[in-house]
Amino acid sequence: MIYLIIAMIIIYIFVNNLVKKYIEMKKFIIPVLLLVLTISSCKKDDEEKKEAPAYFAQWSLMQLTKDFYMETYDYGEIIWEFNEYDELIVTVNTDLSNSQLPITTSGVYDYVGADDVVSIQNTQYAAQVQNDTLILSRNAAAGGPLMKFVKISPDDQ
């Protein structure tokens, strides 16, 4: 019986010390955890923001050349808009039933892009933007398609 009492006293002292240490650690750990969470959740102000690719805009298709074939369009007849959601929004305001364009109907199409490459419907194009002109080409030197667009001015939207 005496051993049981001694064991209970030892357990009580052990548990009491653990509780005291836990309370002391709790007073220390909670502020440290809050500090770490606050620091890690803050965004760095000096972090470089990536600029959107130059082709993020609305473009009016003006010309398609392919091999020795050429199609020309009036401003606003065919509009391609690349946005930050990896969507290409195409608006067709003319008859394209005999066209060789890769996209001949209005709609929203997925694309994957980088600064100088755009992949539309699993076809990769080189993308070049100079001033207000966008050129999408695929193997143009070998007669592949080359599409020339002009940027739609905000006044025309």
Protein backbone atom coordinates (compact mmCIF):
# COMPACT_ATOMS: atom_id res chain seq x y z
CA MET A 1 0.00 0.00 0.00
CA ILE A 2 2.82 2.37 0.81
CA TYR A 3 4.33 1.69 -2.61
CA LEU A 4 1.04 2.65 -4.20
CA ILE A 5 0.98 5.95 -2.30
CA ILE A 6 4.62 6.66 -3.21
CA ALA A 7 3.88 5.81 -6.87
CA MET A 8 0.85 8.14 -6.84
CA ILE A 9 2.93 10.96 -5.32
CA ILE A 10 5.64 10.46 -7.95
CA ILE A 11 3.04 10.43 -10.73
CA TYR A 12 1.42 13.57 -9.25
CA ILE A 13 4.77 15.40 -9.11
CA PHE A 14 5.64 14.26 -12.65
CA VAL A 15 2.27 15.30 -14.07
CA ASN A 16 2.32 18.58 -12.11
CA ASN A 17 5.79 19.39 -13.53
CA LEU A 18 4.63 18.51 -17.03
CA VAL A 19 1.60 20.78 -16.70
CA LYS A 20 3.77 23.64 -15.40
CA LYS A 21 6.26 23.17 -18.24
CA TYR A 22 3.41 22.97 -20.74
CA ILE A 23 1.95 26.24 -19.46
CA GLU A 24 5.38 27.92 -19.57
CA MET A 25 6.02 26.53 -23.06
CA LYS A 26 2.53 27.54 -24.14
CA LYS A 27 3.28 31.13 -23.13
CA PHE A 28 6.42 30.95 -25.27
CA ILE A 29 5.23 28.82 -28.17
CA ILE A 30 2.01 30.68 -29.02
CA PRO A 31 3.68 34.09 -29.64
CA VAL A 32 6.51 32.42 -31.57
CA LEU A 33 4.01 30.50 -33.74
CA LEU A 34 2.00 33.67 -34.37
CA LEU A 35 5.16 35.53 -35.34
CA VAL A 36 6.26 32.78 -37.72
CA LEU A 37 2.79 32.59 -39.31
CA THR A 38 2.63 36.36 -39.71
CA ILE A 39 6.05 36.56 -41.34
CA SER A 40 5.44 33.60 -43.65
CA SER A 41 2.03 34.83 -44.80
CA CYS A 42 3.28 38.29 -45.79
CA LYS A 43 4.16 38.79 -49.42
CA LYS A 44 7.47 40.34 -50.16
CA ASP A 45 6.98 43.84 -51.51
CA ASP A 46 10.30 43.75 -53.29
CA GLU A 47 9.39 40.51 -55.06
CA GLU A 48 9.46 41.02 -58.80
CA LYS A 49 6.06 40.88 -60.40
CA LYS A 50 5.94 39.13 -63.72
CA GLU A 51 4.62 41.29 -66.48
CA ALA A 52 1.84 39.90 -68.57
CA PRO A 53 2.95 38.77 -72.01
CA ALA A 54 2.66 41.48 -74.64
CA TYR A 55 -0.02 39.53 -76.51
CA PHE A 56 -2.53 39.89 -73.62
CA ALA A 57 -4.93 42.16 -75.53
CA GLN A 58 -7.59 42.23 -78.21
CA TRP A 59 -6.28 41.76 -81.74
CA SER A 60 -7.90 42.13 -85.13
CA LEU A 61 -6.70 39.57 -87.65
CA MET A 62 -5.62 41.34 -90.82
CA GLN A 63 -3.84 38.68 -92.85
CA LEU A 64 -3.17 34.95 -93.10
CA THR A 65 -0.44 33.68 -95.40
CA LYS A 66 0.25 30.01 -95.96
CA ASP A 67 2.48 28.67 -98.71
CA PHE A 68 1.55 30.87 -101.68
CA TYR A 69 -1.97 31.51 -100.37
CA MET A 70 -3.12 34.73 -98.69
CA GLU A 71 -6.34 35.82 -96.99
CA THR A 72 -6.93 39.44 -95.91
CA TYR A 73 -9.55 40.76 -93.53
CA ASP A 74 -10.96 44.14 -92.58
CA TYR A 75 -10.33 45.60 -89.16
CA GLY A 76 -12.73 44.07 -86.63
CA GLU A 77 -13.94 41.16 -88.80
CA ILE A 78 -12.01 38.57 -86.77
CA ILE A 79 -11.01 39.39 -83.19
CA TRP A 80 -8.76 37.28 -81.00
CA GLU A 81 -8.42 38.19 -77.34
CA PHE A 82 -5.79 36.49 -75.18
CA ASN A 83 -6.45 36.82 -71.45
CA GLU A 84 -4.72 35.90 -68.20
CA TYR A 85 -7.04 32.91 -67.67
CA ASP A 86 -5.43 31.01 -70.57
CA GLU A 87 -8.49 31.66 -72.70
CA LEU A 88 -8.48 32.79 -76.29
CA ILE A 89 -11.79 34.48 -77.03
CA VAL A 90 -12.45 34.50 -80.77
CA THR A 91 -15.15 36.64 -82.34
CA VAL A 92 -15.87 36.03 -86.03
CA ASN A 93 -17.92 38.70 -87.81
CA THR A 94 -17.56 37.37 -91.37
CA ASP A 95 -18.04 34.18 -93.38
CA LEU A 96 -15.04 31.86 -93.03
CA SER A 97 -16.47 28.77 -94.74
CA ASN A 98 -13.60 28.67 -97.28
CA SER A 99 -10.88 29.93 -94.96
CA GLN A 100 -7.69 28.11 -94.05
CA LEU A 101 -7.55 29.73 -90.60
CA PRO A 102 -6.98 27.32 -87.70
CA ILE A 103 -10.08 28.72 -85.95
CA THR A 104 -13.10 29.64 -88.08
CA THR A 105 -15.89 29.99 -85.50
CA SER A 106 -16.52 32.30 -82.59
CA GLY A 107 -15.85 30.74 -79.21
CA VAL A 108 -13.57 30.40 -76.22
CA TYR A 109 -10.49 28.26 -76.74
CA ASP A 110 -7.79 27.18 -74.30
CA TYR A 111 -4.22 28.16 -74.98
CA VAL A 112 -0.87 27.78 -73.28
CA GLY A 113 1.56 30.62 -73.67
CA ALA A 114 4.88 32.12 -72.77
CA ASP A 115 6.44 35.39 -73.89
CA ASP A 116 7.32 34.21 -77.38
CA VAL A 117 5.37 30.96 -77.87
CA VAL A 118 1.64 30.26 -77.88
CA SER A 119 0.04 26.84 -78.21
CA ILE A 120 -3.56 26.93 -79.46
CA GLN A 121 -5.51 23.69 -79.90
CA ASN A 122 -2.26 21.71 -79.55
CA THR A 123 -0.55 23.69 -82.31
CA GLN A 124 2.46 25.75 -81.32
CA TYR A 125 3.06 29.21 -82.80
CA ALA A 126 5.93 31.63 -82.43
CA ALA A 127 4.52 34.89 -81.07
CA GLN A 128 6.11 38.24 -81.85
CA VAL A 129 4.74 41.59 -80.74
CA GLN A 130 6.17 44.76 -82.24
CA ASN A 131 4.45 48.04 -81.45
CA ASP A 132 0.77 47.31 -82.10
CA THR A 133 1.30 44.27 -84.33
CA LEU A 134 1.14 40.60 -83.31
CA ILE A 135 2.52 37.92 -85.60
CA LEU A 136 1.75 34.26 -84.93
CA SER A 137 3.67 31.88 -87.14
CA ARG A 138 4.40 28.19 -87.41
CA ASN A 139 7.21 27.15 -89.70
CA ALA A 140 6.64 30.25 -91.83
CA ALA A 141 9.96 29.77 -93.66
CA ALA A 142 8.71 26.38 -94.87
CA GLY A 143 5.32 27.74 -95.93
CA GLY A 144 3.53 27.28 -92.62
CA PRO A 145 0.82 29.70 -91.59
CA LEU A 146 1.63 33.26 -90.59
CA MET A 147 -1.14 35.35 -89.07
CA LYS A 148 -0.76 39.11 -88.73
CA PHE A 149 -2.91 41.01 -86.23
CA VAL A 150 -3.21 44.66 -85.22
CA LYS A 151 -4.03 45.66 -81.66
CA ILE A 152 -7.53 46.93 -81.16
CA SER A 153 -7.44 50.40 -79.71
CA PRO A 154 -9.33 50.98 -76.43
CA ASP A 155 -11.47 53.54 -78.27
CA ASP A 156 -12.71 50.80 -80.63
CA GLN A 157 -13.71 48.34 -77.89
